[in-house]
Amino acid sequence: MTDAGKRTVQVNVKMNEEDFALLRKAAATLWPDAIIGNSGILLGLARLAARQTIAERKDASRKGRQ
């Protein structure tokens, strides 16, 4: 993906305090020295989860072909 193809997309997220505290704790574990805001935490973890989900689906489809 190139930077020229990126677009800004607004995303609204609603969650309770406990869920947000869990996300902040996960971010602190993954990126202990990083200075990131709330949106960066959400986007970073969402991107990791998206990549993991796609990888798992690829693995599952490969197993189905064998």
C-alpha atoms as a PDB file:
ATOM      1  CA  MET A   1       0.000   0.000   0.000  1.00  0.00           C
ATOM      2  CA  THR A   2       1.361   3.421  -0.875  1.00  0.00           C
ATOM      3  CA  ASP A   3       0.826   6.646   1.019  1.00  0.00           C
ATOM      4  CA  ALA A   4      -0.669   8.238  -2.103  1.00  0.00           C
ATOM      5  CA  GLY A   5      -3.624   5.837  -1.879  1.00  0.00           C
ATOM      6  CA  LYS A   6      -4.481   6.546   1.749  1.00  0.00           C
ATOM      7  CA  ARG A   7      -7.588   8.480   2.670  1.00  0.00           C
ATOM      8  CA  THR A   8      -8.871   9.847   5.931  1.00  0.00           C
ATOM      9  CA  VAL A   9     -11.759   7.912   7.409  1.00  0.00           C
ATOM     10  CA  GLN A  10     -13.580   8.978  10.556  1.00  0.00           C
ATOM     11  CA  VAL A  11     -14.435   6.173  12.956  1.00  0.00           C
ATOM     12  CA  ASN A  12     -16.548   6.525  16.094  1.00  0.00           C
ATOM     13  CA  VAL A  13     -16.130   4.002  18.877  1.00  0.00           C
ATOM     14  CA  LYS A  14     -18.234   3.540  21.986  1.00  0.00           C
ATOM     15  CA  MET A  15     -16.983   1.392  24.834  1.00  0.00           C
ATOM     16  CA  ASN A  16     -17.173   1.225  28.578  1.00  0.00           C
ATOM     17  CA  GLU A  17     -14.377   2.291  30.942  1.00  0.00           C
ATOM     18  CA  GLU A  18     -13.304  -1.291  31.670  1.00  0.00           C
ATOM     19  CA  ASP A  19     -12.870  -2.129  27.980  1.00  0.00           C
ATOM     20  CA  PHE A  20     -10.882   1.037  27.362  1.00  0.00           C
ATOM     21  CA  ALA A  21      -8.657   0.338  30.373  1.00  0.00           C
ATOM     22  CA  LEU A  22      -7.993  -3.132  28.953  1.00  0.00           C
ATOM     23  CA  LEU A  23      -7.005  -1.618  25.581  1.00  0.00           C
ATOM     24  CA  ARG A  24      -4.672   0.861  27.267  1.00  0.00           C
ATOM     25  CA  LYS A  25      -3.060  -1.974  29.250  1.00  0.00           C
ATOM     26  CA  ALA A  26      -2.548  -4.015  26.072  1.00  0.00           C
ATOM     27  CA  ALA A  27      -1.039  -1.006  24.293  1.00  0.00           C
ATOM     28  CA  ALA A  28       1.347  -0.383  27.191  1.00  0.00           C
ATOM     29  CA  THR A  29       2.453  -4.018  26.997  1.00  0.00           C
ATOM     30  CA  LEU A  30       2.956  -3.969  23.213  1.00  0.00           C
ATOM     31  CA  TRP A  31       4.478  -0.494  22.948  1.00  0.00           C
ATOM     32  CA  PRO A  32       5.922   0.358  26.385  1.00  0.00           C
ATOM     33  CA  ASP A  33       7.996   3.373  25.298  1.00  0.00           C
ATOM     34  CA  ALA A  34       5.607   4.783  22.712  1.00  0.00           C
ATOM     35  CA  ILE A  35       3.746   8.015  23.304  1.00  0.00           C
ATOM     36  CA  ILE A  36       0.380   7.453  21.697  1.00  0.00           C
ATOM     37  CA  GLY A  37      -3.036   8.960  22.139  1.00  0.00           C
ATOM     38  CA  ASN A  38      -6.324   7.180  22.548  1.00  0.00           C
ATOM     39  CA  SER A  39      -7.022   7.024  18.816  1.00  0.00           C
ATOM     40  CA  GLY A  40      -3.545   5.639  18.160  1.00  0.00           C
ATOM     41  CA  ILE A  41      -4.127   2.874  20.684  1.00  0.00           C
ATOM     42  CA  LEU A  42      -7.417   1.888  19.078  1.00  0.00           C
ATOM     43  CA  LEU A  43      -6.096   2.042  15.536  1.00  0.00           C
ATOM     44  CA  GLY A  44      -2.901   0.175  16.339  1.00  0.00           C
ATOM     45  CA  LEU A  45      -4.659  -2.669  18.117  1.00  0.00           C
ATOM     46  CA  ALA A  46      -7.395  -2.840  15.472  1.00  0.00           C
ATOM     47  CA  ARG A  47      -4.763  -3.137  12.747  1.00  0.00           C
ATOM     48  CA  LEU A  48      -2.988  -5.955  14.615  1.00  0.00           C
ATOM     49  CA  ALA A  49      -6.297  -7.775  15.102  1.00  0.00           C
ATOM     50  CA  ALA A  50      -7.221  -7.325  11.430  1.00  0.00           C
ATOM     51  CA  ARG A  51      -3.907  -8.774  10.257  1.00  0.00           C
ATOM     52  CA  GLN A  52      -4.224 -11.687  12.680  1.00  0.00           C
ATOM     53  CA  THR A  53      -7.776 -12.414  11.504  1.00  0.00           C
ATOM     54  CA  ILE A  54      -6.756 -12.428   7.852  1.00  0.00           C
ATOM     55  CA  ALA A  55      -3.757 -14.679   8.576  1.00  0.00           C
ATOM     56  CA  GLU A  56      -5.966 -17.123  10.481  1.00  0.00           C
ATOM     57  CA  ARG A  57      -8.454 -17.265   7.615  1.00  0.00           C
ATOM     58  CA  LYS A  58      -5.653 -17.896   5.105  1.00  0.00           C
ATOM     59  CA  ASP A  59      -4.340 -20.729   7.295  1.00  0.00           C
ATOM     60  CA  ALA A  60      -7.825 -22.212   7.593  1.00  0.00           C
ATOM     61  CA  SER A  61      -8.402 -22.074   3.828  1.00  0.00           C
ATOM     62  CA  ARG A  62      -5.019 -23.747   3.198  1.00  0.00           C
ATOM     63  CA  LYS A  63      -5.937 -26.553   5.591  1.00  0.00           C
ATOM     64  CA  GLY A  64      -9.242 -27.003   3.772  1.00  0.00           C
ATOM     65  CA  ARG A  65      -7.461 -27.503   0.440  1.00  0.00           C
ATOM     66  CA  GLN A  66      -5.187 -30.261   1.712  1.00  0.00           C
END
